[in-house]
């Protein structure tokens, strides 16, 4: 039987997980020397490449000295923590990647905490050691403190440390040493990560931790063979929440080899496999032996913290840019998403044409919406709301640890803004580099709509990361957007003359010739109240000379919203209109 190691790479966002995986693939000989391979090869989704983050956990396998190493690349952003949680059920150890300058950040705490809870041993990898501002010893001390703070066992505290420059494909046991490759990392994985354990007498137990789809074989269930073996054509019993839910025959079983999945006749216990032929399989289900079915514990993930209302687009421009418009289309798509995403919840909304979608954070919702609009959907979206709960007659709301890294000159304004949003300063660290790290405990509500403001206040130089740490008694009202909006009073198209004369009133969101309708938000007012405006107003022409004078008007470029910015900007009485081509803001009532 082939020796196996199953390991997940976990870290805070942008600490270098996917870059390290690229280097491991190259040095394992997966690619030919003359083969053209894109960077961040594991990030196969368009959105992953555009945003520079991992959204979906992905599997691959390499072979080193005859040992098969199954590697799972996990998301680093807190909103996709559900991906990390279910992935840890497949592995027997983790590589904890930490930036040599930034040190442990909020998501580092989250992913490490989940790994330690499951009793998984860790290899600490201090990455980006080539940076001139590296703080290797300080960061290592911070990592030790984090392990202790998370109640690591004595065995877990005896973690090996590897120092890497993932971009160059170098791993070292001494940060001041010289290296040429990742051999020290491969050797440490073999020695420090235990081989999977199993009961040789036990029947088949296969835990479904991920789902994929193929046009050729249909639904593919991915997971770990905990006990027993799987054979092509084998009959299995499907168990949901511990109860038998039918039988099926495995039409295909696949083993990971590099980035590929290759068919096998038999795959044995301890390995990670993908199987076809069980169309009713879902994440958390067990595939077992019909003669002796034994269910495995169901995968659980932390509950969602935020929700939005997805509804049919009812604006006058509905149906002009998208092709999937009806509530049936939206429901079918959301039902499909729930199958693949364990941290998403979908419930009926207050009307037949609306659905309440709950998730772990705004980014997770934004990714889902962006995928839907690219598929041809049109939607109306409400302002995000945090999910509260009643505990012993007390209303409690989600509490987050917000960590900001900013230049010293912005400490005052950031502290003032977060304090006004019910944030409490818990810790301040000045590394003497001109930048300061502040840690706040703040209700999740306080961060909605703050990120755009934060970037403006810090002139794009600030870093903000947040992690859910629990709940807190409802903190009362939190001030939202201060300014009102400019609202179009009639249908038509935006005109340069009207835009020019409205510019002193505030920031304009539309360009000349953009379509408008009654209720469309065309700008932000400088005052706190809303103002109804005529964005289609044209100059009265008195002679030929005047007719061309609009060309000389000096227009300030219109403010363009990303999806995340639009979601943060709106108030309760406003909606985001999303189509494959446009993102518009409007008042709820347009008639």
Protein backbone atom coordinates (compact mmCIF):
# COMPACT_ATOMS: atom_id res chain seq x y z
CA UNK A 1 0.00 0.00 0.00
CA UNK A 2 1.33 3.45 -0.97
CA UNK A 3 2.33 5.75 1.86
CA UNK A 4 0.09 8.82 2.10
CA UNK A 5 0.15 12.22 3.77
CA UNK A 6 -2.93 14.47 3.75
CA UNK A 7 -2.21 18.12 4.49
CA UNK A 8 -4.10 21.43 4.19
CA UNK A 9 -2.39 24.77 3.66
CA UNK A 10 -4.04 27.38 5.87
CA UNK A 11 -3.28 31.07 6.34
CA UNK A 12 -4.59 34.59 6.37
CA UNK A 13 -5.45 36.04 2.98
CA UNK A 14 -2.46 37.06 0.81
CA UNK A 15 0.20 35.34 2.91
CA UNK A 16 1.29 33.19 -0.03
CA UNK A 17 -0.57 29.86 0.10
CA UNK A 18 -1.36 29.58 -3.59
CA UNK A 19 2.13 30.76 -4.59
CA UNK A 20 3.66 28.04 -2.40
CA UNK A 21 1.38 25.42 -3.96
CA UNK A 22 2.55 26.55 -7.42
CA UNK A 23 6.17 26.03 -6.37
CA UNK A 24 5.42 22.61 -4.86
CA UNK A 25 3.76 21.51 -8.10
CA UNK A 26 6.70 22.67 -10.21
CA UNK A 27 9.31 21.01 -8.04
CA UNK A 28 7.42 17.73 -7.83
CA UNK A 29 7.74 17.35 -11.59
CA UNK A 30 4.03 17.68 -12.37
CA UNK A 31 4.72 20.05 -15.27
CA UNK A 32 7.04 19.58 -18.24
CA UNK A 33 9.98 21.99 -18.47
CA UNK A 34 8.61 23.49 -21.70
CA UNK A 35 4.99 23.56 -20.46
CA UNK A 36 3.30 26.97 -20.23
CA UNK A 37 1.57 27.30 -16.86
CA UNK A 38 -0.16 30.40 -15.50
CA UNK A 39 0.70 31.71 -12.06
CA UNK A 40 -1.62 30.71 -9.20
CA UNK A 41 -2.61 27.65 -11.21
CA UNK A 42 -4.89 26.38 -8.41
CA UNK A 43 -7.06 29.53 -8.61
CA UNK A 44 -9.05 28.37 -11.63
CA UNK A 45 -12.16 30.57 -11.19
CA UNK A 46 -12.21 33.90 -13.06
CA UNK A 47 -13.19 35.72 -9.87
CA UNK A 48 -10.26 34.18 -7.99
CA UNK A 49 -7.83 35.50 -10.56
CA UNK A 50 -9.44 38.93 -10.71
CA UNK A 51 -9.59 39.42 -6.93
CA UNK A 52 -6.31 37.65 -6.21
CA UNK A 53 -7.87 35.45 -3.54
CA UNK A 54 -8.79 31.78 -3.18
CA UNK A 55 -12.56 31.27 -2.89
CA UNK A 56 -13.01 27.50 -3.22
CA UNK A 57 -10.83 24.89 -1.55
CA UNK A 58 -9.06 22.70 -4.13
CA UNK A 59 -7.21 19.40 -4.09
CA UNK A 60 -4.05 18.25 -5.74
CA UNK A 61 -1.46 15.54 -5.11
CA UNK A 62 2.29 15.21 -5.57
CA UNK A 63 4.68 12.31 -5.00
CA UNK A 64 7.92 12.75 -3.09
CA UNK A 65 10.27 9.80 -2.50
CA UNK A 66 7.43 7.38 -3.12
CA UNK A 67 5.07 9.10 -0.66
CA UNK A 68 1.84 10.54 -2.05
CA UNK A 69 1.12 13.95 -0.54
CA UNK A 70 -2.49 15.10 -0.94
CA UNK A 71 -2.54 18.90 -0.61
CA UNK A 72 -5.60 21.10 -0.15
CA UNK A 73 -5.31 24.82 -0.85
CA UNK A 74 -7.84 26.66 1.32
CA UNK A 75 -9.25 30.21 1.18
CA UNK A 76 -7.58 32.80 3.38
CA UNK A 77 -10.48 35.25 3.68
CA UNK A 78 -12.70 34.96 6.74
CA UNK A 79 -15.89 35.01 4.65
CA UNK A 80 -14.96 31.63 3.19
CA UNK A 81 -14.23 30.01 6.53
CA UNK A 82 -16.83 27.32 5.77
CA UNK A 83 -14.50 26.05 3.02
CA UNK A 84 -11.68 25.74 5.55
CA UNK A 85 -13.83 24.02 8.17
CA UNK A 86 -15.03 21.24 5.88
CA UNK A 87 -11.59 20.81 4.32
CA UNK A 88 -9.98 20.03 7.66
CA UNK A 89 -12.08 16.86 7.80
CA UNK A 90 -10.00 15.46 4.94
CA UNK A 91 -6.49 15.97 6.31
CA UNK A 92 -4.19 14.75 9.05
CA UNK A 93 -2.14 17.91 9.50
CA UNK A 94 -1.75 21.50 8.33
CA UNK A 95 0.86 23.88 7.00
CA UNK A 96 0.26 27.20 8.77
CA UNK A 97 1.64 29.93 6.54
CA UNK A 98 2.50 33.26 8.17
CA UNK A 99 3.88 36.40 6.51
CA UNK A 100 7.36 37.24 7.84
CA UNK A 101 6.42 40.92 8.12
CA UNK A 102 2.72 40.99 8.98
CA UNK A 103 2.74 38.05 11.38
CA UNK A 104 -0.48 36.33 12.51
CA UNK A 105 -3.66 38.17 11.50
CA UNK A 106 -7.37 37.52 12.26
CA UNK A 107 -7.89 34.68 9.80
CA UNK A 108 -4.66 33.06 11.04
CA UNK A 109 -6.33 32.79 14.44
CA UNK A 110 -9.54 31.38 12.93
CA UNK A 111 -7.96 28.66 10.77
CA UNK A 112 -5.41 27.64 13.38
CA UNK A 113 -8.12 27.46 16.04
CA UNK A 114 -10.16 25.09 13.85
CA UNK A 115 -7.11 22.90 13.18
CA UNK A 116 -6.18 22.68 16.86
CA UNK A 117 -9.79 21.85 17.80
CA UNK A 118 -9.54 18.81 15.53
CA UNK A 119 -6.25 17.79 17.08
CA UNK A 120 -4.29 18.32 13.89
CA UNK A 121 -0.51 18.83 14.12
CA UNK A 122 0.88 21.93 12.42
CA UNK A 123 4.03 22.83 10.54
CA UNK A 124 4.62 26.59 10.83
CA UNK A 125 5.89 28.11 7.59
CA UNK A 126 7.27 31.66 7.87
CA UNK A 127 6.93 32.96 4.30
CA UNK A 128 8.27 35.98 2.42
CA UNK A 129 11.60 35.91 4.25
CA UNK A 130 13.12 37.87 1.36
CA UNK A 131 11.26 41.04 2.40
CA UNK A 132 13.56 43.79 3.67
CA UNK A 133 11.15 44.61 6.53
CA UNK A 134 10.88 41.01 7.77
CA UNK A 135 10.47 40.43 11.50
CA UNK A 136 11.21 36.72 11.68
CA UNK A 137 11.88 36.25 15.39
CA UNK A 138 9.10 38.63 16.47
CA UNK A 139 6.64 36.88 14.14
CA UNK A 140 7.69 33.46 15.46
CA UNK A 141 7.12 34.68 19.02
CA UNK A 142 3.67 35.98 18.00
CA UNK A 143 2.88 32.55 16.51
CA UNK A 144 3.89 30.83 19.78
CA UNK A 145 1.69 33.27 21.71
CA UNK A 146 -1.20 32.50 19.36
CA UNK A 147 -0.83 28.73 19.89
CA UNK A 148 -0.84 29.24 23.65
CA UNK A 149 -3.81 31.61 23.46
CA UNK A 150 -5.75 28.96 21.51
CA UNK A 151 -5.06 26.31 24.18
CA UNK A 152 -2.77 24.17 22.05
CA UNK A 153 -1.62 20.93 23.64
CA UNK A 154 2.04 20.35 24.55
CA UNK A 155 2.40 18.13 21.49
CA UNK A 156 0.89 20.81 19.22
CA UNK A 157 3.29 23.40 20.67
CA UNK A 158 6.25 21.31 19.52
CA UNK A 159 5.70 22.39 15.95
CA UNK A 160 8.53 22.40 13.40
CA UNK A 161 9.31 25.70 11.68
CA UNK A 162 10.24 26.14 8.02
CA UNK A 163 11.25 29.46 6.42
CA UNK A 164 10.27 30.01 2.80
CA UNK A 165 10.43 32.34 -0.13
CA UNK A 166 7.48 30.80 -1.98
CA UNK A 167 7.91 33.01 -5.03
CA UNK A 168 11.47 31.75 -5.52
CA UNK A 169 10.58 28.17 -4.50
CA UNK A 170 13.04 28.03 -1.58
CA UNK A 171 12.57 26.45 1.85
CA UNK A 172 15.08 26.62 4.75
CA UNK A 173 15.39 25.31 8.29
CA UNK A 174 17.53 28.38 9.10
CA UNK A 175 16.23 31.79 7.93
CA UNK A 176 19.80 33.00 7.35
CA UNK A 177 20.86 29.90 5.42
CA UNK A 178 21.10 29.30 1.67
CA UNK A 179 18.66 27.17 -0.28
CA UNK A 180 17.76 26.14 -3.79
CA UNK A 181 14.49 24.25 -3.51
CA UNK A 182 11.62 23.09 -1.30
CA UNK A 183 13.23 19.81 -0.19
CA UNK A 184 13.34 20.85 3.52
CA UNK A 185 9.57 21.45 3.36
CA UNK A 186 8.84 18.11 1.66
CA UNK A 187 11.03 16.29 4.21
CA UNK A 188 9.27 18.01 7.11
CA UNK A 189 5.83 17.07 5.76
CA UNK A 190 6.88 13.41 5.56
CA UNK A 191 8.33 13.41 9.09
CA UNK A 192 5.94 15.71 10.99
CA UNK A 193 2.52 14.96 9.41
CA UNK A 194 1.27 11.52 10.47
CA UNK A 195 0.05 8.99 7.95
CA UNK A 196 -3.74 8.57 7.97
CA UNK A 197 -4.99 6.01 10.50
CA UNK A 198 -7.77 3.55 9.82
CA UNK A 199 -9.26 0.32 11.09
CA UNK A 200 -8.30 -2.51 8.70
CA UNK A 201 -11.32 -4.52 9.92
CA UNK A 202 -13.89 -1.73 9.46
CA UNK A 203 -16.23 -1.53 6.45
CA UNK A 204 -16.22 1.30 3.88
CA UNK A 205 -16.67 4.83 5.26
CA UNK A 206 -16.29 7.73 2.86
CA UNK A 207 -16.99 11.30 4.07
CA UNK A 208 -18.21 13.72 1.38
CA UNK A 209 -16.50 17.09 1.94
CA UNK A 210 -16.85 18.72 -1.48
CA UNK A 211 -18.95 18.47 -4.64
CA UNK A 212 -18.03 18.96 -8.27
CA UNK A 213 -19.85 18.45 -11.53
CA UNK A 214 -18.88 16.94 -14.88
CA UNK A 215 -20.89 17.12 -18.10
CA UNK A 216 -19.88 13.48 -18.72
CA UNK A 217 -20.54 11.73 -15.39
CA UNK A 218 -22.72 14.26 -13.52
CA UNK A 219 -22.25 14.96 -9.81
CA UNK A 220 -18.82 14.11 -8.37
CA UNK A 221 -18.42 13.67 -4.61
CA UNK A 222 -14.97 14.46 -3.18
CA UNK A 223 -13.78 13.29 0.19
CA UNK A 224 -11.58 11.01 2.27
CA UNK A 225 -11.85 7.24 2.52
CA UNK A 226 -11.81 6.96 6.32
CA UNK A 227 -12.03 3.15 6.40
CA UNK A 228 -12.26 0.30 3.90
CA UNK A 229 -11.73 0.59 0.14
CA UNK A 230 -13.69 1.78 -2.89
CA UNK A 231 -13.97 -0.15 -6.15
CA UNK A 232 -15.41 0.91 -9.46
CA UNK A 233 -18.93 -0.43 -9.87
CA UNK A 234 -19.24 -1.09 -6.14
CA UNK A 235 -22.66 -0.74 -4.51
CA UNK A 236 -22.72 1.78 -1.65
CA UNK A 237 -25.33 3.07 0.75
CA UNK A 238 -25.82 6.82 1.10
CA UNK A 239 -26.31 8.06 4.67
CA UNK A 240 -27.62 11.54 5.47
CA UNK A 241 -27.44 12.76 9.08
CA UNK A 242 -26.87 9.20 10.19
CA UNK A 243 -29.89 7.77 8.36
CA UNK A 244 -29.84 5.59 5.24
CA UNK A 245 -31.08 7.50 2.18
CA UNK A 246 -30.77 4.98 -0.64
CA UNK A 247 -28.20 2.95 -2.53
CA UNK A 248 -26.08 3.62 -5.59
CA UNK A 249 -23.36 2.10 -7.77
CA UNK A 250 -20.04 3.92 -8.17
CA UNK A 251 -19.76 4.48 -11.91
CA UNK A 252 -16.27 5.92 -11.54
CA UNK A 253 -13.70 6.38 -8.81
CA UNK A 254 -10.87 8.85 -9.29
CA UNK A 255 -7.60 9.52 -7.50
CA UNK A 256 -5.71 12.83 -7.52
CA UNK A 257 -2.46 13.00 -9.47
CA UNK A 258 -1.04 16.52 -9.67
CA UNK A 259 -3.96 18.70 -10.73
CA UNK A 260 -5.69 15.83 -12.53
CA UNK A 261 -8.17 13.20 -11.40
CA UNK A 262 -7.44 9.81 -12.91
CA UNK A 263 -9.71 6.72 -12.88
CA UNK A 264 -8.73 3.83 -10.63
CA UNK A 265 -10.04 0.34 -10.10
CA UNK A 266 -9.46 0.46 -6.33
CA UNK A 267 -8.66 3.28 -3.88
CA UNK A 268 -7.79 2.33 -0.32
CA UNK A 269 -8.32 3.85 3.13
CA UNK A 270 -6.54 7.08 3.97
CA UNK A 271 -6.57 8.48 0.42
CA UNK A 272 -8.59 11.40 -0.91
CA UNK A 273 -10.84 10.37 -3.78
CA UNK A 274 -13.56 11.62 -6.10
CA UNK A 275 -16.50 9.35 -6.99
CA UNK A 276 -19.31 9.50 -9.54
CA UNK A 277 -22.60 7.65 -9.56
CA UNK A 278 -24.19 9.07 -6.40
CA UNK A 279 -26.31 12.00 -7.69
CA UNK A 280 -28.02 12.57 -4.32
CA UNK A 281 -24.77 13.00 -2.38
CA UNK A 282 -24.33 16.19 -0.32
CA UNK A 283 -21.54 17.68 1.76
CA UNK A 284 -21.42 15.92 5.12
CA UNK A 285 -22.97 12.66 3.86
CA UNK A 286 -21.34 9.26 4.34
CA UNK A 287 -20.97 6.54 1.69
CA UNK A 288 -20.84 3.16 3.38
CA UNK A 289 -21.03 -0.60 2.97
CA UNK A 290 -24.64 -1.81 2.38
CA UNK A 291 -23.89 -4.90 4.50
CA UNK A 292 -22.57 -2.88 7.45
CA UNK A 293 -23.47 0.83 7.12
CA UNK A 294 -21.72 3.07 9.64
CA UNK A 295 -22.32 6.82 9.43
CA UNK A 296 -19.54 9.30 10.16
CA UNK A 297 -20.13 12.51 12.16
CA UNK A 298 -21.87 15.16 10.05
CA UNK A 299 -19.76 18.17 9.06
CA UNK A 300 -20.83 21.31 10.86
CA UNK A 301 -19.74 24.87 10.18
CA UNK A 302 -20.31 28.13 12.01
CA UNK A 303 -23.62 29.83 11.34
CA UNK A 304 -24.00 32.80 8.95
CA UNK A 305 -23.71 36.32 10.39
CA UNK A 306 -25.19 38.52 7.67
CA UNK A 307 -28.14 38.39 5.26
CA UNK A 308 -29.46 40.17 2.17
CA UNK A 309 -32.73 40.06 0.31
CA UNK A 310 -32.40 38.82 -3.29
CA UNK A 311 -35.46 39.74 -5.35
CA UNK A 312 -36.67 40.05 -8.91
CA UNK A 313 -35.52 43.23 -10.63
CA UNK A 314 -38.60 45.48 -10.91
CA UNK A 315 -36.95 48.62 -12.27
CA UNK A 316 -38.18 50.13 -15.58
CA UNK A 317 -34.97 48.82 -17.18
CA UNK A 318 -35.64 45.20 -16.15
CA UNK A 319 -34.97 42.63 -18.84
CA UNK A 320 -32.92 44.89 -21.09
CA UNK A 321 -29.52 43.44 -20.19
CA UNK A 322 -30.10 40.04 -18.60
CA UNK A 323 -31.87 36.85 -19.65
CA UNK A 324 -32.53 35.16 -16.27
CA UNK A 325 -35.14 37.37 -14.66
CA UNK A 326 -37.84 35.40 -12.88
CA UNK A 327 -38.13 34.27 -9.27
CA UNK A 328 -38.04 30.66 -10.53
CA UNK A 329 -34.65 31.26 -12.16
CA UNK A 330 -33.31 32.91 -9.00
CA UNK A 331 -34.62 30.16 -6.72
CA UNK A 332 -33.14 27.38 -8.87
CA UNK A 333 -29.76 29.10 -8.85
CA UNK A 334 -29.79 29.68 -5.09
CA UNK A 335 -30.87 26.09 -4.42
CA UNK A 336 -27.92 24.94 -6.52
CA UNK A 337 -25.55 27.18 -4.54
CA UNK A 338 -26.67 25.67 -1.25
CA UNK A 339 -25.64 22.24 -2.53
CA UNK A 340 -22.04 23.32 -2.97
CA UNK A 341 -21.63 25.94 -0.27
CA UNK A 342 -22.17 24.74 3.28
CA UNK A 343 -22.03 28.21 4.83
CA UNK A 344 -24.84 29.71 2.69
CA UNK A 345 -28.49 29.66 3.86
CA UNK A 346 -31.51 30.44 1.66
CA UNK A 347 -35.00 31.14 3.03
CA UNK A 348 -38.21 32.53 1.49
CA UNK A 349 -38.47 36.31 1.64
CA UNK A 350 -41.49 38.44 2.57
CA UNK A 351 -42.86 38.18 -0.99
CA UNK A 352 -43.05 35.36 -3.52
CA UNK A 353 -40.40 37.09 -5.59
CA UNK A 354 -37.79 37.52 -2.86
CA UNK A 355 -35.35 35.29 -0.99
CA UNK A 356 -33.34 35.90 2.18
CA UNK A 357 -29.74 34.77 1.60
CA UNK A 358 -27.47 34.48 4.63
CA UNK A 359 -23.69 34.09 4.58
CA UNK A 360 -20.51 34.57 6.60
CA UNK A 361 -19.79 38.07 5.30
CA UNK A 362 -20.32 40.70 2.64
CA UNK A 363 -17.55 39.35 0.42
CA UNK A 364 -19.10 35.88 0.29
CA UNK A 365 -22.44 37.42 -0.75
CA UNK A 366 -20.71 39.67 -3.30
CA UNK A 367 -18.93 36.69 -4.89
CA UNK A 368 -22.23 34.80 -5.24
CA UNK A 369 -23.95 37.85 -6.77
CA UNK A 370 -21.06 38.47 -9.16
CA UNK A 371 -21.17 34.86 -10.35
CA UNK A 372 -24.93 35.14 -10.90
CA UNK A 373 -24.71 38.37 -12.91
CA UNK A 374 -22.01 36.80 -15.12
CA UNK A 375 -24.38 33.91 -15.74
CA UNK A 376 -27.03 36.33 -17.06
CA UNK A 377 -29.12 37.10 -13.95
CA UNK A 378 -30.79 40.38 -13.08
CA UNK A 379 -31.41 41.03 -9.38
CA UNK A 380 -32.49 43.63 -6.86
CA UNK A 381 -30.54 43.58 -3.60
CA UNK A 382 -31.35 45.05 -0.20
CA UNK A 383 -28.94 46.54 2.31
CA UNK A 384 -26.97 43.79 4.17
CA UNK A 385 -28.20 43.16 7.72
CA UNK A 386 -26.49 41.31 10.56
CA UNK A 387 -28.28 38.35 12.10
CA UNK A 388 -29.14 38.82 15.78
CA UNK A 389 -30.24 36.20 18.29
CA UNK A 390 -32.22 36.20 21.50
CA UNK A 391 -30.37 34.73 24.49
CA UNK A 392 -32.17 34.72 27.86
CA UNK A 393 -34.38 37.59 26.76
CA UNK A 394 -31.39 39.66 25.59
CA UNK A 395 -30.76 40.60 21.96
CA UNK A 396 -27.20 39.78 20.94
CA UNK A 397 -25.40 40.57 17.73
CA UNK A 398 -22.17 39.33 16.07
CA UNK A 399 -18.93 40.78 17.44
CA UNK A 400 -15.78 41.04 15.34
CA UNK A 401 -12.11 41.62 15.96
CA UNK A 402 -11.07 44.29 13.48
CA UNK A 403 -7.33 44.62 12.90
CA UNK A 404 -6.17 47.73 11.05
CA UNK A 405 -2.64 48.34 9.81
CA UNK A 406 -2.15 52.03 8.97
CA UNK A 407 0.48 54.77 8.74
CA UNK A 408 0.92 56.64 12.04
CA UNK A 409 -0.62 59.84 10.68
CA UNK A 410 -4.06 58.20 10.29
CA UNK A 411 -4.34 56.73 13.81
CA UNK A 412 -6.51 59.61 15.03
CA UNK A 413 -9.12 59.61 12.28
CA UNK A 414 -9.43 55.80 12.13
CA UNK A 415 -9.81 55.53 15.90
CA UNK A 416 -12.46 58.27 15.86
CA UNK A 417 -14.43 56.63 13.02
CA UNK A 418 -14.40 53.15 14.55
CA UNK A 419 -15.26 54.49 18.01
CA UNK A 420 -18.32 56.24 16.54
CA UNK A 421 -19.35 52.83 15.19
CA UNK A 422 -19.26 51.28 18.68
CA UNK A 423 -15.72 49.96 18.29
CA UNK A 424 -13.48 49.54 21.37
CA UNK A 425 -9.71 49.82 21.04
CA UNK A 426 -8.20 46.68 22.60
CA UNK A 427 -4.57 46.82 21.52
CA UNK A 428 -2.10 49.10 19.73
CA UNK A 429 1.30 47.98 18.43
CA UNK A 430 3.91 50.24 16.85
CA UNK A 431 6.73 48.28 15.21
CA UNK A 432 8.72 51.46 14.61
CA UNK A 433 8.38 51.24 10.84
CA UNK A 434 6.04 54.20 10.51
CA UNK A 435 2.97 51.96 10.59
CA UNK A 436 0.74 51.08 13.53
CA UNK A 437 -1.48 48.06 14.14
CA UNK A 438 -4.74 48.67 16.01
CA UNK A 439 -7.12 45.97 17.24
CA UNK A 440 -10.77 46.83 17.87
CA UNK A 441 -13.71 44.81 19.09
CA UNK A 442 -16.69 46.07 17.12
CA UNK A 443 -20.22 44.87 16.29
CA UNK A 444 -20.42 43.49 12.73
CA UNK A 445 -22.95 46.24 11.98
CA UNK A 446 -20.24 48.80 12.59
CA UNK A 447 -18.15 47.48 9.69
CA UNK A 448 -20.97 47.59 7.11
CA UNK A 449 -20.26 50.57 4.91
CA UNK A 450 -16.96 51.32 6.64
CA UNK A 451 -14.38 49.78 4.30
CA UNK A 452 -14.81 52.33 1.51
CA UNK A 453 -14.67 55.16 4.03
CA UNK A 454 -11.57 53.58 5.60
CA UNK A 455 -9.72 53.48 2.28
CA UNK A 456 -10.59 57.13 1.65
CA UNK A 457 -9.49 58.17 5.13
CA UNK A 458 -6.14 56.35 4.78
CA UNK A 459 -5.67 57.35 1.11
CA UNK A 460 -5.61 53.73 0.08
CA UNK A 461 -2.69 52.85 2.38
CA UNK A 462 -4.64 51.13 5.17
CA UNK A 463 -5.24 47.40 5.63
CA UNK A 464 -8.39 46.20 7.39
CA UNK A 465 -9.09 42.60 8.40
CA UNK A 466 -11.86 41.31 10.61
CA UNK A 467 -12.76 38.03 12.27
CA UNK A 468 -15.94 36.95 14.02
CA UNK A 469 -15.09 36.33 17.68
CA UNK A 470 -18.52 35.87 19.26
CA UNK A 471 -21.58 37.89 20.16
CA UNK A 472 -22.23 41.00 22.23
CA UNK A 473 -25.37 42.65 23.65
CA UNK A 474 -27.05 44.81 21.02
CA UNK A 475 -25.03 48.02 20.94
CA UNK A 476 -27.81 50.40 19.91
CA UNK A 477 -28.00 52.58 16.84
CA UNK A 478 -24.92 52.95 14.69
CA UNK A 479 -24.65 55.93 12.39
CA UNK A 480 -24.70 54.98 8.72
CA UNK A 481 -24.29 57.13 5.66
CA UNK A 482 -24.40 60.81 6.61
CA UNK A 483 -25.37 62.28 3.24
CA UNK A 484 -28.61 61.97 1.29
CA UNK A 485 -28.83 61.13 -2.42
CA UNK A 486 -29.86 62.80 -5.65
CA UNK A 487 -32.85 60.96 -7.13
CA UNK A 488 -34.06 61.21 -10.74
CA UNK A 489 -37.64 62.43 -11.08
CA UNK A 490 -38.42 61.14 -14.60
CA UNK A 491 -37.39 58.66 -17.29
CA UNK A 492 -34.93 59.67 -19.98
CA UNK A 493 -31.17 59.86 -20.43
CA UNK A 494 -28.59 61.78 -18.46
CA UNK A 495 -27.58 65.03 -20.16
CA UNK A 496 -24.26 66.88 -19.83
CA UNK A 497 -26.03 70.19 -19.16
CA UNK A 498 -28.00 68.72 -16.23
CA UNK A 499 -24.95 66.89 -14.81
CA UNK A 500 -22.84 70.07 -14.97
CA UNK A 501 -25.37 72.09 -13.01
CA UNK A 502 -25.86 69.33 -10.43
CA UNK A 503 -22.14 68.88 -9.71
CA UNK A 504 -22.11 71.63 -7.01
CA UNK A 505 -24.89 69.67 -5.24
CA UNK A 506 -22.76 66.56 -4.71
CA UNK A 507 -21.03 63.59 -6.34
CA UNK A 508 -22.62 62.37 -9.58
CA UNK A 509 -22.94 58.63 -10.37
CA UNK A 510 -24.08 58.75 -14.01
CA UNK A 511 -22.42 59.70 -17.29
CA UNK A 512 -23.98 61.58 -20.22
CA UNK A 513 -26.40 59.39 -22.17
CA UNK A 514 -26.78 56.84 -19.35
CA UNK A 515 -30.41 55.68 -19.06
CA UNK A 516 -32.42 57.10 -16.15
CA UNK A 517 -35.81 56.52 -14.60
CA UNK A 518 -37.92 57.86 -11.74
CA UNK A 519 -36.35 56.65 -8.50
CA UNK A 520 -32.84 56.08 -9.89
CA UNK A 521 -30.10 57.38 -7.58
CA UNK A 522 -27.90 59.57 -9.77
CA UNK A 523 -25.61 61.02 -7.12
CA UNK A 524 -24.80 61.67 -3.47
CA UNK A 525 -26.05 64.93 -1.96
CA UNK A 526 -23.71 67.18 0.03
CA UNK A 527 -26.55 67.56 2.57
CA UNK A 528 -28.16 64.91 4.77
CA UNK A 529 -31.53 64.92 3.00
CA UNK A 530 -32.50 63.40 -0.37
CA UNK A 531 -33.08 65.70 -3.34
CA UNK A 532 -35.24 64.99 -6.39
CA UNK A 533 -33.52 66.23 -9.58
CA UNK A 534 -34.02 66.31 -13.33
CA UNK A 535 -30.96 64.56 -14.75
CA UNK A 536 -32.37 64.86 -18.29
CA UNK A 537 -32.74 68.66 -18.30
CA UNK A 538 -31.44 70.22 -21.52
CA UNK A 539 -30.45 73.80 -22.26
CA UNK A 540 -33.02 75.92 -24.00
CA UNK A 541 -31.64 76.66 -27.47
CA UNK A 542 -31.93 80.23 -28.72
CA UNK A 543 -29.51 80.17 -31.65
CA UNK A 544 -27.10 77.91 -33.47
CA UNK A 545 -24.13 79.03 -31.45
CA UNK A 546 -25.72 77.99 -28.21
CA UNK A 547 -26.51 74.48 -29.45
CA UNK A 548 -22.88 73.45 -29.37
CA UNK A 549 -21.95 75.07 -26.11
CA UNK A 550 -22.52 71.86 -24.10
CA UNK A 551 -19.33 70.53 -25.57
CA UNK A 552 -17.35 73.02 -23.51
CA UNK A 553 -18.86 71.94 -20.20
CA UNK A 554 -16.26 70.61 -17.78
CA UNK A 555 -17.65 67.43 -16.15
CA UNK A 556 -16.14 65.71 -13.14
CA UNK A 557 -15.78 61.94 -13.86
CA UNK A 558 -18.76 60.02 -12.50
CA UNK A 559 -18.24 57.85 -9.45
CA UNK A 560 -18.40 54.19 -10.47
CA UNK A 561 -19.36 51.58 -7.87
CA UNK A 562 -18.06 48.07 -7.55
CA UNK A 563 -20.62 45.57 -6.33
CA UNK A 564 -19.16 45.59 -2.80
CA UNK A 565 -19.15 49.40 -2.70
CA UNK A 566 -22.77 49.57 -3.86
CA UNK A 567 -23.85 47.06 -1.19
CA UNK A 568 -22.15 49.15 1.50
CA UNK A 569 -23.47 52.49 0.22
CA UNK A 570 -27.25 51.95 0.21
CA UNK A 571 -29.67 52.65 3.06
CA UNK A 572 -32.68 50.61 4.13
CA UNK A 573 -35.02 52.35 1.68
CA UNK A 574 -32.69 51.74 -1.28
CA UNK A 575 -31.78 48.83 -3.53
CA UNK A 576 -28.89 47.77 -5.73
CA UNK A 577 -30.00 46.86 -9.26
CA UNK A 578 -27.57 44.26 -10.65
CA UNK A 579 -27.48 43.15 -14.29
CA UNK A 580 -24.80 41.46 -16.43
CA UNK A 581 -23.72 44.90 -17.65
CA UNK A 582 -24.64 47.41 -14.95
CA UNK A 583 -24.75 48.17 -11.25
CA UNK A 584 -27.30 50.87 -10.42
CA UNK A 585 -28.68 52.27 -7.18
CA UNK A 586 -32.34 53.15 -6.75
CA UNK A 587 -35.05 53.91 -4.24
CA UNK A 588 -37.39 51.06 -3.40
CA UNK A 589 -40.44 52.77 -4.93
CA UNK A 590 -40.14 53.71 -8.59
CA UNK A 591 -43.80 54.17 -9.46
